[in-house]
Amino acid sequence: MNLQGVTSEQLIALNCSYKSKDEAIRALIEKLYKEKKIQSKEDFYHAVKERERLSATGIDKGIAIPHGKSKTVNAAAFAFASIKEPIEDWESLTPDNKVRYVFLLAIPEAEAGSTHLELLAELMTKISDHRYLENLLSSQTSQEFYKNLSYEPVKADANKTYKKSIVAVTACPAGIAHTYMAAEALVLAGEEMGVKVYVENRGQMAWRAATPQST
């Protein structure tokens, strides 16, 4: 998925002064509404808050990815904000994550099982590469941030030979971020060590298969 295709310069805000998670979410919802990505601010706000009640959307490295799936969403999109002073009480998968970078994803309800996972997977795979993330977060303007979404770090030589290879499966109990973060970290670490790493991203599927479920 092309990340530039699901956002715009108007949906990107840098160096904001939000004091709380709720203020940040409402500000980004306002941007989505002005760009006609959603029909109702309140309906989408309730969808995002409902998702927040399920599990933490703070990730790591100062990043949070709140999201909502709703009939009020016209087209899949995301809005982004960087924050001057970190929001310290944003519930996160990684302890002590102080949120300064917020990606708010809006997904049409009818595309909850497809576009949602595709967008989340692409975003997490990209920002799990420290080279991509550093380039993106060094942006000084919304225009530069938007342009840097298309940045592609130098890939490994396709003709490179490896003496060893590893097959791995990554899974996350929430079925989201850490699945992709772990996969990208393994691939990059393998490149540095001269080892080819093949990763299967399974999300909640693998976790549930390996974990006894209560009835």
C-alpha atoms as a PDB file:
ATOM      1  CA  MET A   1       0.000   0.000   0.000  1.00  0.00           C
ATOM      2  CA  ASN A   2       1.203   3.497  -0.887  1.00  0.00           C
ATOM      3  CA  LEU A   3       1.097   5.530   2.339  1.00  0.00           C
ATOM      4  CA  GLN A   4       0.959   8.807   0.422  1.00  0.00           C
ATOM      5  CA  GLY A   5      -2.260   7.613  -1.179  1.00  0.00           C
ATOM      6  CA  VAL A   6      -4.116   7.483   2.144  1.00  0.00           C
ATOM      7  CA  THR A   7      -3.109  10.845   3.588  1.00  0.00           C
ATOM      8  CA  SER A   8      -2.273  14.376   2.440  1.00  0.00           C
ATOM      9  CA  GLU A   9      -0.295  17.423   3.533  1.00  0.00           C
ATOM     10  CA  GLN A  10      -3.517  18.794   5.059  1.00  0.00           C
ATOM     11  CA  LEU A  11      -3.741  15.753   7.340  1.00  0.00           C
ATOM     12  CA  ILE A  12      -0.242  16.263   8.768  1.00  0.00           C
ATOM     13  CA  ALA A  13       0.508  18.586  11.680  1.00  0.00           C
ATOM     14  CA  LEU A  14       3.954  19.109  13.238  1.00  0.00           C
ATOM     15  CA  ASN A  15       5.039  20.521  16.615  1.00  0.00           C
ATOM     16  CA  CYS A  16       1.577  20.578  18.157  1.00  0.00           C
ATOM     17  CA  SER A  17       0.850  21.464  21.791  1.00  0.00           C
ATOM     18  CA  TYR A  18      -1.661  18.809  22.783  1.00  0.00           C
ATOM     19  CA  LYS A  19      -1.899  18.233  26.524  1.00  0.00           C
ATOM     20  CA  SER A  20      -3.704  14.896  26.528  1.00  0.00           C
ATOM     21  CA  LYS A  21      -4.492  11.836  24.446  1.00  0.00           C
ATOM     22  CA  ASP A  22      -8.090  12.963  24.049  1.00  0.00           C
ATOM     23  CA  GLU A  23      -7.062  16.402  22.797  1.00  0.00           C
ATOM     24  CA  ALA A  24      -4.699  14.860  20.236  1.00  0.00           C
ATOM     25  CA  ILE A  25      -7.337  12.432  18.975  1.00  0.00           C
ATOM     26  CA  ARG A  26     -10.005  15.112  18.655  1.00  0.00           C
ATOM     27  CA  ALA A  27      -7.619  17.442  16.799  1.00  0.00           C
ATOM     28  CA  LEU A  28      -6.751  14.751  14.254  1.00  0.00           C
ATOM     29  CA  ILE A  29     -10.424  13.817  13.866  1.00  0.00           C
ATOM     30  CA  GLU A  30     -11.097  17.465  13.056  1.00  0.00           C
ATOM     31  CA  LYS A  31      -8.536  17.270  10.238  1.00  0.00           C
ATOM     32  CA  LEU A  32     -10.117  14.111   8.850  1.00  0.00           C
ATOM     33  CA  TYR A  33     -13.524  15.793   8.935  1.00  0.00           C
ATOM     34  CA  LYS A  34     -12.317  18.939   7.151  1.00  0.00           C
ATOM     35  CA  GLU A  35     -10.808  16.784   4.412  1.00  0.00           C
ATOM     36  CA  LYS A  36     -14.122  14.891   4.094  1.00  0.00           C
ATOM     37  CA  LYS A  37     -12.600  11.557   5.094  1.00  0.00           C
ATOM     38  CA  ILE A  38     -15.333  11.116   7.704  1.00  0.00           C
ATOM     39  CA  GLN A  39     -18.967  12.236   7.825  1.00  0.00           C
ATOM     40  CA  SER A  40     -19.416  12.616  11.589  1.00  0.00           C
ATOM     41  CA  LYS A  41     -16.763  13.725  14.072  1.00  0.00           C
ATOM     42  CA  GLU A  42     -18.659  12.378  17.071  1.00  0.00           C
ATOM     43  CA  ASP A  43     -19.445   9.003  15.528  1.00  0.00           C
ATOM     44  CA  PHE A  44     -15.827   8.477  14.581  1.00  0.00           C
ATOM     45  CA  TYR A  45     -14.622   9.718  17.973  1.00  0.00           C
ATOM     46  CA  HIS A  46     -16.773   7.061  19.656  1.00  0.00           C
ATOM     47  CA  ALA A  47     -15.345   4.398  17.315  1.00  0.00           C
ATOM     48  CA  VAL A  48     -11.789   5.409  18.234  1.00  0.00           C
ATOM     49  CA  LYS A  49     -12.591   5.476  21.962  1.00  0.00           C
ATOM     50  CA  GLU A  50     -14.205   2.051  21.714  1.00  0.00           C
ATOM     51  CA  ARG A  51     -10.992   0.712  20.177  1.00  0.00           C
ATOM     52  CA  GLU A  52      -8.951   2.392  22.929  1.00  0.00           C
ATOM     53  CA  ARG A  53     -10.905   0.397  25.507  1.00  0.00           C
ATOM     54  CA  LEU A  54      -9.862  -2.907  23.934  1.00  0.00           C
ATOM     55  CA  SER A  55      -6.079  -2.556  24.243  1.00  0.00           C
ATOM     56  CA  ALA A  56      -3.261  -0.033  24.260  1.00  0.00           C
ATOM     57  CA  THR A  57      -2.526   1.848  21.040  1.00  0.00           C
ATOM     58  CA  GLY A  58       0.729   3.362  22.223  1.00  0.00           C
ATOM     59  CA  ILE A  59       3.556   1.362  20.636  1.00  0.00           C
ATOM     60  CA  ASP A  60       7.211   2.252  21.189  1.00  0.00           C
ATOM     61  CA  LYS A  61       9.723   4.989  20.308  1.00  0.00           C
ATOM     62  CA  GLY A  62       7.197   7.678  21.210  1.00  0.00           C
ATOM     63  CA  ILE A  63       4.653   6.384  18.693  1.00  0.00           C
ATOM     64  CA  ALA A  64       0.921   5.764  19.076  1.00  0.00           C
ATOM     65  CA  ILE A  65      -1.445   4.425  16.422  1.00  0.00           C
ATOM     66  CA  PRO A  66      -5.059   4.924  17.528  1.00  0.00           C
ATOM     67  CA  HIS A  67      -7.636   3.832  14.985  1.00  0.00           C
ATOM     68  CA  GLY A  68     -11.322   3.500  14.392  1.00  0.00           C
ATOM     69  CA  LYS A  69     -13.524   1.457  12.083  1.00  0.00           C
ATOM     70  CA  SER A  70     -16.904   3.005  11.355  1.00  0.00           C
ATOM     71  CA  LYS A  71     -19.640   3.486   8.766  1.00  0.00           C
ATOM     72  CA  THR A  72     -18.996   7.219   9.027  1.00  0.00           C
ATOM     73  CA  VAL A  73     -15.601   6.835   7.312  1.00  0.00           C
ATOM     74  CA  ASN A  74     -15.798   7.709   3.608  1.00  0.00           C
ATOM     75  CA  ALA A  75     -12.371   6.384   2.622  1.00  0.00           C
ATOM     76  CA  ALA A  76      -9.419   4.803   4.406  1.00  0.00           C
ATOM     77  CA  ALA A  77      -7.034   7.511   5.568  1.00  0.00           C
ATOM     78  CA  PHE A  78      -4.657   8.526   8.316  1.00  0.00           C
ATOM     79  CA  ALA A  79      -3.806  11.821   9.973  1.00  0.00           C
ATOM     80  CA  PHE A  80      -0.516  12.478  11.751  1.00  0.00           C
ATOM     81  CA  ALA A  81       0.691  14.826  14.464  1.00  0.00           C
ATOM     82  CA  SER A  82       4.018  15.336  16.193  1.00  0.00           C
ATOM     83  CA  ILE A  83       3.758  16.795  19.689  1.00  0.00           C
ATOM     84  CA  LYS A  84       6.160  19.227  21.389  1.00  0.00           C
ATOM     85  CA  GLU A  85       5.746  17.865  24.920  1.00  0.00           C
ATOM     86  CA  PRO A  86       5.186  14.091  25.191  1.00  0.00           C
ATOM     87  CA  ILE A  87       1.915  12.659  26.461  1.00  0.00           C
ATOM     88  CA  GLU A  88       3.099  10.435  29.291  1.00  0.00           C
ATOM     89  CA  ASP A  89      -0.151   8.706  30.249  1.00  0.00           C
ATOM     90  CA  TRP A  90      -0.961   7.206  26.829  1.00  0.00           C
ATOM     91  CA  GLU A  91      -1.462   3.488  27.451  1.00  0.00           C
ATOM     92  CA  SER A  92       1.287   1.654  25.545  1.00  0.00           C
ATOM     93  CA  LEU A  93       2.440  -1.868  24.755  1.00  0.00           C
ATOM     94  CA  THR A  94       5.959  -0.838  25.764  1.00  0.00           C
ATOM     95  CA  PRO A  95       6.360   0.459  29.336  1.00  0.00           C
ATOM     96  CA  ASP A  96       7.438   4.083  29.720  1.00  0.00           C
ATOM     97  CA  ASN A  97       6.529   4.955  26.127  1.00  0.00           C
ATOM     98  CA  LYS A  98       6.012   8.738  26.084  1.00  0.00           C
ATOM     99  CA  VAL A  99       3.971   9.563  23.013  1.00  0.00           C
ATOM    100  CA  ARG A 100       5.168  12.313  20.678  1.00  0.00           C
ATOM    101  CA  TYR A 101       4.075  10.936  17.308  1.00  0.00           C
ATOM    102  CA  VAL A 102       0.449  10.012  16.607  1.00  0.00           C
ATOM    103  CA  PHE A 103      -0.901   8.256  13.533  1.00  0.00           C
ATOM    104  CA  LEU A 104      -4.733   8.182  13.600  1.00  0.00           C
ATOM    105  CA  LEU A 105      -6.144   5.598  11.187  1.00  0.00           C
ATOM    106  CA  ALA A 106      -9.700   5.853   9.831  1.00  0.00           C
ATOM    107  CA  ILE A 107     -11.125   2.710   8.237  1.00  0.00           C
ATOM    108  CA  PRO A 108     -14.536   2.160   6.618  1.00  0.00           C
ATOM    109  CA  GLU A 109     -16.426  -0.524   8.524  1.00  0.00           C
ATOM    110  CA  ALA A 110     -16.870  -2.578   5.357  1.00  0.00           C
ATOM    111  CA  GLU A 111     -13.070  -2.757   4.948  1.00  0.00           C
ATOM    112  CA  ALA A 112     -12.263  -3.684   8.553  1.00  0.00           C
ATOM    113  CA  GLY A 113     -10.753  -7.054   7.669  1.00  0.00           C
ATOM    114  CA  SER A 114      -8.797  -5.975   4.615  1.00  0.00           C
ATOM    115  CA  THR A 115      -7.773  -2.321   4.262  1.00  0.00           C
ATOM    116  CA  HIS A 116      -7.306  -2.000   8.032  1.00  0.00           C
ATOM    117  CA  LEU A 117      -4.745  -4.788   8.226  1.00  0.00           C
ATOM    118  CA  GLU A 118      -3.077  -3.771   4.968  1.00  0.00           C
ATOM    119  CA  LEU A 119      -2.616  -0.159   6.081  1.00  0.00           C
ATOM    120  CA  LEU A 120      -1.477  -1.145   9.570  1.00  0.00           C
ATOM    121  CA  ALA A 121       0.972  -3.717   8.213  1.00  0.00           C
ATOM    122  CA  GLU A 122       2.479  -1.269   5.720  1.00  0.00           C
ATOM    123  CA  LEU A 123       2.787   1.503   8.297  1.00  0.00           C
ATOM    124  CA  MET A 124       4.331  -0.731  10.958  1.00  0.00           C
ATOM    125  CA  THR A 125       6.750  -2.362   8.525  1.00  0.00           C
ATOM    126  CA  LYS A 126       7.930   1.042   7.340  1.00  0.00           C
ATOM    127  CA  ILE A 127       8.399   2.685  10.727  1.00  0.00           C
ATOM    128  CA  SER A 128      10.035  -0.417  12.196  1.00  0.00           C
ATOM    129  CA  ASP A 129      12.982   0.324   9.894  1.00  0.00           C
ATOM    130  CA  HIS A 130      15.002   2.853  11.909  1.00  0.00           C
ATOM    131  CA  ARG A 131      16.353   4.414   8.708  1.00  0.00           C
ATOM    132  CA  TYR A 132      12.845   5.134   7.424  1.00  0.00           C
ATOM    133  CA  LEU A 133      11.611   6.381  10.785  1.00  0.00           C
ATOM    134  CA  GLU A 134      14.565   8.717  11.353  1.00  0.00           C
ATOM    135  CA  ASN A 135      14.151  10.189   7.879  1.00  0.00           C
ATOM    136  CA  LEU A 136      10.410  10.644   8.372  1.00  0.00           C
ATOM    137  CA  LEU A 137      10.615  12.246  11.812  1.00  0.00           C
ATOM    138  CA  SER A 138      13.369  14.630  10.745  1.00  0.00           C
ATOM    139  CA  SER A 139      10.833  16.393   8.503  1.00  0.00           C
ATOM    140  CA  GLN A 140      10.550  20.119   9.206  1.00  0.00           C
ATOM    141  CA  THR A 141       7.263  20.786   7.410  1.00  0.00           C
ATOM    142  CA  SER A 142       4.067  18.940   6.550  1.00  0.00           C
ATOM    143  CA  GLN A 143       5.097  19.014   2.907  1.00  0.00           C
ATOM    144  CA  GLU A 144       8.442  17.415   3.707  1.00  0.00           C
ATOM    145  CA  PHE A 145       6.809  14.771   5.918  1.00  0.00           C
ATOM    146  CA  TYR A 146       4.394  13.872   3.126  1.00  0.00           C
ATOM    147  CA  LYS A 147       7.252  13.605   0.651  1.00  0.00           C
ATOM    148  CA  ASN A 148       9.307  11.457   3.018  1.00  0.00           C
ATOM    149  CA  LEU A 149       6.497   8.911   3.304  1.00  0.00           C
ATOM    150  CA  SER A 150       7.762   7.576  -0.029  1.00  0.00           C
ATOM    151  CA  TYR A 151      11.375   7.272   1.184  1.00  0.00           C
ATOM    152  CA  GLU A 152      12.891   3.866   0.484  1.00  0.00           C
ATOM    153  CA  PRO A 153      16.019   2.842   2.450  1.00  0.00           C
ATOM    154  CA  VAL A 154      18.704   1.141   0.417  1.00  0.00           C
ATOM    155  CA  LYS A 155      17.754  -2.503   0.094  1.00  0.00           C
ATOM    156  CA  ALA A 156      20.098  -5.451   0.431  1.00  0.00           C
ATOM    157  CA  ASP A 157      21.758  -6.678  -2.755  1.00  0.00           C
ATOM    158  CA  ALA A 158      19.308  -9.060  -4.410  1.00  0.00           C
ATOM    159  CA  ASN A 159      22.240 -11.178  -5.630  1.00  0.00           C
ATOM    160  CA  LYS A 160      23.802 -11.444  -2.195  1.00  0.00           C
ATOM    161  CA  THR A 161      24.464 -14.982  -1.014  1.00  0.00           C
ATOM    162  CA  TYR A 162      23.891 -16.114   2.545  1.00  0.00           C
ATOM    163  CA  LYS A 163      25.634 -18.915   4.396  1.00  0.00           C
ATOM    164  CA  LYS A 164      22.696 -19.369   6.750  1.00  0.00           C
ATOM    165  CA  SER A 165      18.971 -18.732   6.769  1.00  0.00           C
ATOM    166  CA  ILE A 166      16.333 -18.626   9.487  1.00  0.00           C
ATOM    167  CA  VAL A 167      12.569 -19.040   9.324  1.00  0.00           C
ATOM    168  CA  ALA A 168      10.585 -17.193  11.998  1.00  0.00           C
ATOM    169  CA  VAL A 169       6.971 -16.567  12.973  1.00  0.00           C
ATOM    170  CA  THR A 170       5.999 -13.336  14.761  1.00  0.00           C
ATOM    171  CA  ALA A 171       2.798 -12.906  16.709  1.00  0.00           C
ATOM    172  CA  CYS A 172       1.243 -10.338  19.017  1.00  0.00           C
ATOM    173  CA  PRO A 173      -1.573 -10.941  21.528  1.00  0.00           C
ATOM    174  CA  ALA A 174      -3.346  -7.834  20.218  1.00  0.00           C
ATOM    175  CA  GLY A 175      -2.743  -8.848  16.616  1.00  0.00           C
ATOM    176  CA  ILE A 176      -1.187  -5.517  15.639  1.00  0.00           C
ATOM    177  CA  ALA A 177       2.005  -3.546  15.981  1.00  0.00           C
ATOM    178  CA  HIS A 178       4.548  -5.866  17.559  1.00  0.00           C
ATOM    179  CA  THR A 179       3.852  -8.514  14.915  1.00  0.00           C
ATOM    180  CA  TYR A 180       5.335  -6.224  12.275  1.00  0.00           C
ATOM    181  CA  MET A 181       7.908  -4.523  14.499  1.00  0.00           C
ATOM    182  CA  ALA A 182       9.417  -7.873  15.448  1.00  0.00           C
ATOM    183  CA  ALA A 183       9.413  -9.109  11.845  1.00  0.00           C
ATOM    184  CA  GLU A 184      11.227  -6.046  10.509  1.00  0.00           C
ATOM    185  CA  ALA A 185      13.730  -6.088  13.385  1.00  0.00           C
ATOM    186  CA  LEU A 186      14.579  -9.733  12.673  1.00  0.00           C
ATOM    187  CA  VAL A 187      15.093  -9.086   8.963  1.00  0.00           C
ATOM    188  CA  LEU A 188      17.345  -6.068   9.574  1.00  0.00           C
ATOM    189  CA  ALA A 189      19.357  -7.859  12.254  1.00  0.00           C
ATOM    190  CA  GLY A 190      19.815 -10.784   9.909  1.00  0.00           C
ATOM    191  CA  GLU A 191      21.148  -8.513   7.159  1.00  0.00           C
ATOM    192  CA  GLU A 192      23.730  -7.081   9.539  1.00  0.00           C
ATOM    193  CA  MET A 193      24.861 -10.605  10.489  1.00  0.00           C
ATOM    194  CA  GLY A 194      24.811 -12.002   6.955  1.00  0.00           C
ATOM    195  CA  VAL A 195      21.849 -14.253   7.689  1.00  0.00           C
ATOM    196  CA  LYS A 196      18.731 -14.429   5.506  1.00  0.00           C
ATOM    197  CA  VAL A 197      15.598 -14.229   7.646  1.00  0.00           C
ATOM    198  CA  TYR A 198      12.194 -15.305   6.346  1.00  0.00           C
ATOM    199  CA  VAL A 199       9.293 -14.163   8.532  1.00  0.00           C
ATOM    200  CA  GLU A 200       5.661 -15.188   8.596  1.00  0.00           C
ATOM    201  CA  ASN A 201       3.440 -12.503  10.162  1.00  0.00           C
ATOM    202  CA  ARG A 202       0.578 -14.217  11.942  1.00  0.00           C
ATOM    203  CA  GLY A 203      -0.766 -11.632  14.379  1.00  0.00           C
ATOM    204  CA  GLN A 204      -3.496 -12.920  16.677  1.00  0.00           C
ATOM    205  CA  MET A 205      -3.874 -16.099  14.639  1.00  0.00           C
ATOM    206  CA  ALA A 206      -0.573 -17.613  15.766  1.00  0.00           C
ATOM    207  CA  TRP A 207      -1.004 -16.364  19.328  1.00  0.00           C
ATOM    208  CA  ARG A 208      -4.424 -17.925  19.670  1.00  0.00           C
ATOM    209  CA  ALA A 209      -3.246 -21.204  18.162  1.00  0.00           C
ATOM    210  CA  ALA A 210      -0.440 -21.400  20.709  1.00  0.00           C
ATOM    211  CA  THR A 211      -2.401 -20.134  23.725  1.00  0.00           C
ATOM    212  CA  PRO A 212      -5.208 -22.118  25.439  1.00  0.00           C
ATOM    213  CA  GLN A 213      -8.448 -20.178  25.129  1.00  0.00           C
ATOM    214  CA  SER A 214     -11.068 -19.991  27.849  1.00  0.00           C
ATOM    215  CA  THR A 215     -14.650 -20.823  26.982  1.00  0.00           C
END
